[in-house]
Amino acid sequence: MDFLYTASGFFVGLIVGMTGVGGGSLMTPLLVLLFGVTPATAVGTDLLYAALTKTGGTVAHGRKGHVDWLIVGRLAAGSIPAAGITLYVLMQLPGHGKEVGHIMAVALGFALFLTAAAIFLRDKLLRYARRHEDSYIQRHVGPITVLVGAILGVLVTISSVGAGALGVTALFFLYPRIGTLKIVASDIAHAVPLTAVAGIGHWYLGSVDFSLLGALLLGSLPGIWIGSHIASKVPEKFLRSLLATMLIIIGTKLVLS
């Protein structure tokens, strides 16, 4: 079973390396649907997995000056308190009851729908934002970024999904004149403290499987490295469309199960 976990980690890492998205949105449902891991354990383990895998990316981007720390601070000002409140609410619920598992599975399904929509609509939203730079949103971009961070904080803590594709799409819409590299780097940097706080909270709740975490990391780290090197050889638009379609199918199965 550890070998299968490592192989799954490699597959997800490969997708992340090629597209920049797909970590939590593929890993968590894969653990739930393919391996029968409980939703709570899948979410908790994936949160720490994300925190560890994205730390290296943050260090690399930070050294090159790619991270906009103002954006990261604004997002974290909303997401970290929201994650803390969400964890507190989860602590009040019966830890491993069927109701909690069902809530997390449904939340995960809807988060996958939102992620798929973000992948499909990213370019259209960016074009719209650039045509309406004098809009209310652009004039109040600071507090709205904090609000977006809070929404991501709740969503990521419950489902482990949202810190990637959703975060990047929201930032493209809010900051249409900032380059793609800086947006992606800032989103990765924000994901580290958010997933770390949420992951530690789930660890406290007993929802982290460390042997599973180790097996996933063993496969995903080389997968991300290989994926990032072959990304230029694979049509990005095709990959993103395929990934979004997969997320819709998986999300439907989770919501209806």
Protein backbone atom coordinates (compact mmCIF):
# COMPACT_ATOMS: atom_id res chain seq x y z
CA MET A 1 0.00 0.00 0.00
CA ASP A 2 2.88 2.39 0.75
CA PHE A 3 4.12 1.83 -2.80
CA LEU A 4 0.70 2.78 -4.20
CA TYR A 5 0.65 5.91 -2.04
CA THR A 6 4.11 6.85 -3.34
CA ALA A 7 3.01 6.20 -6.94
CA SER A 8 -0.05 8.40 -6.39
CA GLY A 9 2.17 11.10 -4.91
CA PHE A 10 4.39 10.91 -7.99
CA PHE A 11 1.37 11.23 -10.32
CA VAL A 12 -0.01 14.25 -8.48
CA GLY A 13 3.44 15.81 -8.25
CA LEU A 14 3.85 15.37 -12.01
CA ILE A 15 0.54 17.21 -12.65
CA VAL A 16 1.48 20.00 -10.24
CA GLY A 17 4.88 20.37 -11.87
CA MET A 18 3.36 20.62 -15.35
CA THR A 19 0.35 22.86 -14.60
CA GLY A 20 1.06 24.59 -11.29
CA VAL A 21 -2.28 23.40 -9.89
CA GLY A 22 -3.87 20.14 -8.83
CA GLY A 23 -2.17 19.39 -5.50
CA GLY A 24 -5.01 19.29 -2.97
CA SER A 25 -7.70 19.10 -5.64
CA LEU A 26 -6.30 15.76 -6.85
CA MET A 27 -4.55 14.33 -3.79
CA THR A 28 -7.41 14.56 -1.30
CA PRO A 29 -10.15 13.00 -3.49
CA LEU A 30 -7.65 10.37 -4.65
CA LEU A 31 -7.07 9.32 -1.04
CA VAL A 32 -10.82 9.27 -0.28
CA LEU A 33 -12.16 7.58 -3.40
CA LEU A 34 -9.29 5.28 -4.42
CA PHE A 35 -7.75 4.30 -1.08
CA GLY A 36 -10.77 4.63 1.22
CA VAL A 37 -9.04 7.08 3.58
CA THR A 38 -11.57 8.95 5.72
CA PRO A 39 -12.23 12.53 4.51
CA ALA A 40 -10.92 14.02 7.78
CA THR A 41 -7.61 12.10 7.58
CA ALA A 42 -7.24 12.82 3.86
CA VAL A 43 -7.77 16.56 4.41
CA GLY A 44 -5.48 16.78 7.45
CA THR A 45 -2.66 14.79 5.85
CA ASP A 46 -2.90 16.71 2.59
CA LEU A 47 -2.70 20.05 4.42
CA LEU A 48 0.67 19.19 5.97
CA TYR A 49 1.76 17.67 2.65
CA ALA A 50 0.98 20.99 0.93
CA ALA A 51 2.77 23.03 3.60
CA LEU A 52 5.94 20.94 3.21
CA THR A 53 5.96 20.77 -0.61
CA LYS A 54 5.25 24.49 -1.08
CA THR A 55 7.87 25.66 1.42
CA GLY A 56 10.66 24.86 -1.04
CA GLY A 57 8.88 26.75 -3.80
CA THR A 58 8.39 29.76 -1.55
CA VAL A 59 12.08 29.88 -0.61
CA ALA A 60 13.11 29.65 -4.27
CA HIS A 61 10.66 32.34 -5.41
CA GLY A 62 11.46 34.56 -2.43
CA ARG A 63 15.19 34.53 -3.18
CA LYS A 64 14.48 35.61 -6.75
CA GLY A 65 12.19 38.45 -5.65
CA HIS A 66 9.09 36.93 -7.24
CA VAL A 67 6.88 37.14 -4.12
CA ASP A 68 4.72 40.23 -3.48
CA TRP A 69 4.73 40.16 0.33
CA LEU A 70 2.04 42.87 0.56
CA ILE A 71 -0.41 40.57 -1.22
CA VAL A 72 0.69 37.63 0.94
CA GLY A 73 0.14 39.73 4.10
CA ARG A 74 -3.32 40.80 3.00
CA LEU A 75 -4.39 37.24 2.21
CA ALA A 76 -2.93 35.90 5.48
CA ALA A 77 -4.70 38.64 7.48
CA GLY A 78 -7.96 37.04 6.39
CA SER A 79 -7.05 33.38 6.00
CA ILE A 80 -5.19 32.64 9.25
CA PRO A 81 -7.95 33.91 11.61
CA ALA A 82 -10.58 32.22 9.41
CA ALA A 83 -8.65 28.93 9.58
CA GLY A 84 -8.42 29.25 13.37
CA ILE A 85 -12.17 29.86 13.72
CA THR A 86 -12.97 26.97 11.38
CA LEU A 87 -10.71 24.64 13.37
CA TYR A 88 -12.43 25.71 16.59
CA VAL A 89 -15.83 24.87 15.06
CA LEU A 90 -14.53 21.47 13.90
CA MET A 91 -13.25 20.80 17.42
CA GLN A 92 -16.78 21.22 18.76
CA LEU A 93 -18.08 18.48 16.46
CA PRO A 94 -17.80 14.74 17.17
CA GLY A 95 -14.35 13.98 15.74
CA HIS A 96 -14.88 10.91 13.59
CA GLY A 97 -18.65 10.79 13.26
CA LYS A 98 -20.28 10.00 9.93
CA GLU A 99 -21.88 13.45 9.85
CA VAL A 100 -18.49 15.21 9.96
CA GLY A 101 -17.09 12.93 7.26
CA HIS A 102 -20.10 13.60 5.05
CA ILE A 103 -19.82 17.38 5.55
CA MET A 104 -16.14 17.31 4.61
CA ALA A 105 -16.77 15.11 1.57
CA VAL A 106 -19.53 17.43 0.29
CA ALA A 107 -17.38 20.52 0.99
CA LEU A 108 -14.53 18.85 -0.91
CA GLY A 109 -16.84 18.15 -3.86
CA PHE A 110 -18.02 21.75 -4.09
CA ALA A 111 -14.45 23.02 -3.70
CA LEU A 112 -13.51 20.88 -6.72
CA PHE A 113 -16.35 22.44 -8.75
CA LEU A 114 -15.09 25.92 -7.85
CA THR A 115 -11.53 24.93 -8.74
CA ALA A 116 -12.64 23.56 -12.13
CA ALA A 117 -14.56 26.78 -12.81
CA ALA A 118 -11.48 28.81 -11.87
CA ILE A 119 -9.34 26.82 -14.31
CA PHE A 120 -11.86 27.19 -17.14
CA LEU A 121 -12.62 30.90 -16.55
CA ARG A 122 -9.19 32.24 -15.55
CA ASP A 123 -8.37 33.89 -18.90
CA LYS A 124 -11.85 35.44 -19.25
CA LEU A 125 -11.76 36.84 -15.71
CA LEU A 126 -8.32 38.33 -16.33
CA ARG A 127 -9.48 40.04 -19.52
CA TYR A 128 -12.55 41.40 -17.73
CA ALA A 129 -10.46 42.74 -14.85
CA ARG A 130 -8.08 44.51 -17.22
CA ARG A 131 -11.03 46.20 -19.00
CA HIS A 132 -12.51 47.41 -15.69
CA GLU A 133 -9.49 48.64 -13.74
CA ASP A 134 -11.47 51.60 -12.34
CA SER A 135 -14.15 49.39 -10.83
CA TYR A 136 -15.21 49.34 -7.16
CA ILE A 137 -13.16 46.17 -6.64
CA GLN A 138 -9.96 47.78 -7.90
CA ARG A 139 -10.52 50.88 -5.74
CA HIS A 140 -10.90 48.72 -2.60
CA VAL A 141 -8.51 45.93 -3.50
CA GLY A 142 -6.85 45.79 -0.04
CA PRO A 143 -9.88 44.89 2.12
CA ILE A 144 -11.31 42.70 -0.65
CA THR A 145 -8.04 40.72 -0.72
CA VAL A 146 -8.38 40.19 3.05
CA LEU A 147 -11.95 38.95 2.49
CA VAL A 148 -10.78 36.57 -0.25
CA GLY A 149 -8.13 35.30 2.17
CA ALA A 150 -10.82 34.61 4.78
CA ILE A 151 -12.90 32.63 2.26
CA LEU A 152 -9.83 30.62 1.25
CA GLY A 153 -9.03 30.03 4.93
CA VAL A 154 -12.41 28.40 5.59
CA LEU A 155 -12.41 26.41 2.35
CA VAL A 156 -8.84 25.12 2.69
CA THR A 157 -9.30 24.14 6.35
CA ILE A 158 -12.43 22.10 5.59
CA SER A 159 -11.44 20.57 2.26
CA SER A 160 -7.66 21.23 1.77
CA VAL A 161 -8.63 22.59 -1.69
CA GLY A 162 -8.52 26.21 -2.82
CA ALA A 163 -5.04 27.48 -2.02
CA GLY A 164 -3.88 26.79 -5.60
CA ALA A 165 -6.17 27.38 -8.58
CA LEU A 166 -8.78 29.40 -6.68
CA GLY A 167 -6.19 31.61 -5.00
CA VAL A 168 -4.34 32.28 -8.25
CA THR A 169 -7.56 33.07 -10.15
CA ALA A 170 -8.72 35.48 -7.45
CA LEU A 171 -5.35 37.25 -7.50
CA PHE A 172 -5.40 37.53 -11.29
CA PHE A 173 -8.80 39.21 -11.00
CA LEU A 174 -7.79 41.54 -8.17
CA TYR A 175 -4.32 42.41 -9.51
CA PRO A 176 -4.63 42.25 -13.33
CA ARG A 177 -1.45 44.28 -13.98
CA ILE A 178 0.86 42.08 -11.89
CA GLY A 179 2.77 39.45 -13.87
CA THR A 180 1.80 35.79 -13.82
CA LEU A 181 5.02 34.67 -12.15
CA LYS A 182 4.56 37.11 -9.26
CA ILE A 183 0.90 36.09 -8.81
CA VAL A 184 1.74 32.37 -8.73
CA ALA A 185 4.72 32.91 -6.40
CA SER A 186 2.64 35.05 -4.01
CA ASP A 187 -0.14 32.44 -3.95
CA ILE A 188 2.39 29.68 -3.15
CA ALA A 189 3.92 31.81 -0.37
CA HIS A 190 0.49 32.44 1.16
CA ALA A 191 -0.41 28.75 0.98
CA VAL A 192 2.48 27.79 3.28
CA PRO A 193 1.31 29.49 6.52
CA LEU A 194 -2.34 28.75 5.75
CA THR A 195 -1.87 25.02 5.15
CA ALA A 196 0.61 24.80 8.05
CA VAL A 197 -1.85 26.36 10.52
CA ALA A 198 -4.76 24.27 9.21
CA GLY A 199 -2.60 21.12 9.09
CA ILE A 200 -1.35 21.56 12.66
CA GLY A 201 -4.95 22.07 13.75
CA HIS A 202 -5.98 18.82 12.08
CA TRP A 203 -2.97 17.13 13.69
CA TYR A 204 -4.32 18.26 17.06
CA LEU A 205 -7.68 16.79 16.04
CA GLY A 206 -5.95 13.47 15.28
CA SER A 207 -6.61 13.72 11.53
CA VAL A 208 -3.06 13.31 10.20
CA ASP A 209 -1.48 10.00 9.13
CA PHE A 210 2.30 10.56 9.18
CA SER A 211 3.24 7.27 7.50
CA LEU A 212 0.87 8.20 4.66
CA LEU A 213 2.38 11.69 4.56
CA GLY A 214 5.91 10.26 4.21
CA ALA A 215 4.87 7.89 1.41
CA LEU A 216 3.20 10.72 -0.53
CA LEU A 217 6.22 13.01 -0.19
CA LEU A 218 8.54 10.24 -1.37
CA GLY A 219 6.72 10.17 -4.70
CA SER A 220 5.59 13.77 -5.13
CA LEU A 221 8.94 15.54 -4.73
CA PRO A 222 10.58 13.81 -7.74
CA GLY A 223 7.24 14.06 -9.57
CA ILE A 224 7.15 17.84 -9.20
CA TRP A 225 10.79 18.09 -10.34
CA ILE A 226 10.18 16.00 -13.47
CA GLY A 227 6.87 17.73 -14.24
CA SER A 228 8.43 21.19 -14.06
CA HIS A 229 11.10 20.12 -16.58
CA ILE A 230 8.69 18.66 -19.16
CA ALA A 231 6.00 21.35 -18.75
CA SER A 232 7.12 23.23 -21.86
CA LYS A 233 6.71 20.11 -23.99
CA VAL A 234 3.02 19.56 -23.11
CA PRO A 235 0.22 21.92 -24.28
CA GLU A 236 -0.83 23.79 -21.10
CA LYS A 237 -4.34 24.55 -22.36
CA PHE A 238 -5.00 20.85 -23.01
CA LEU A 239 -3.69 19.87 -19.58
CA ARG A 240 -5.76 22.48 -17.77
CA SER A 241 -8.93 21.47 -19.64
CA LEU A 242 -8.28 17.80 -18.84
CA LEU A 243 -7.62 18.61 -15.18
CA ALA A 244 -10.80 20.73 -14.87
CA THR A 245 -12.91 17.97 -16.45
CA MET A 246 -11.44 15.41 -14.04
CA LEU A 247 -12.25 17.68 -11.08
CA ILE A 248 -15.89 18.04 -12.17
CA ILE A 249 -16.29 14.26 -12.45
CA ILE A 250 -14.61 13.64 -9.08
CA GLY A 251 -16.56 16.47 -7.40
CA THR A 252 -19.87 15.07 -8.66
CA LYS A 253 -19.01 11.63 -7.26
CA LEU A 254 -18.10 13.10 -3.86
CA VAL A 255 -21.23 15.26 -3.58
CA LEU A 256 -23.58 12.45 -4.62
CA SER A 257 -21.92 9.67 -2.59
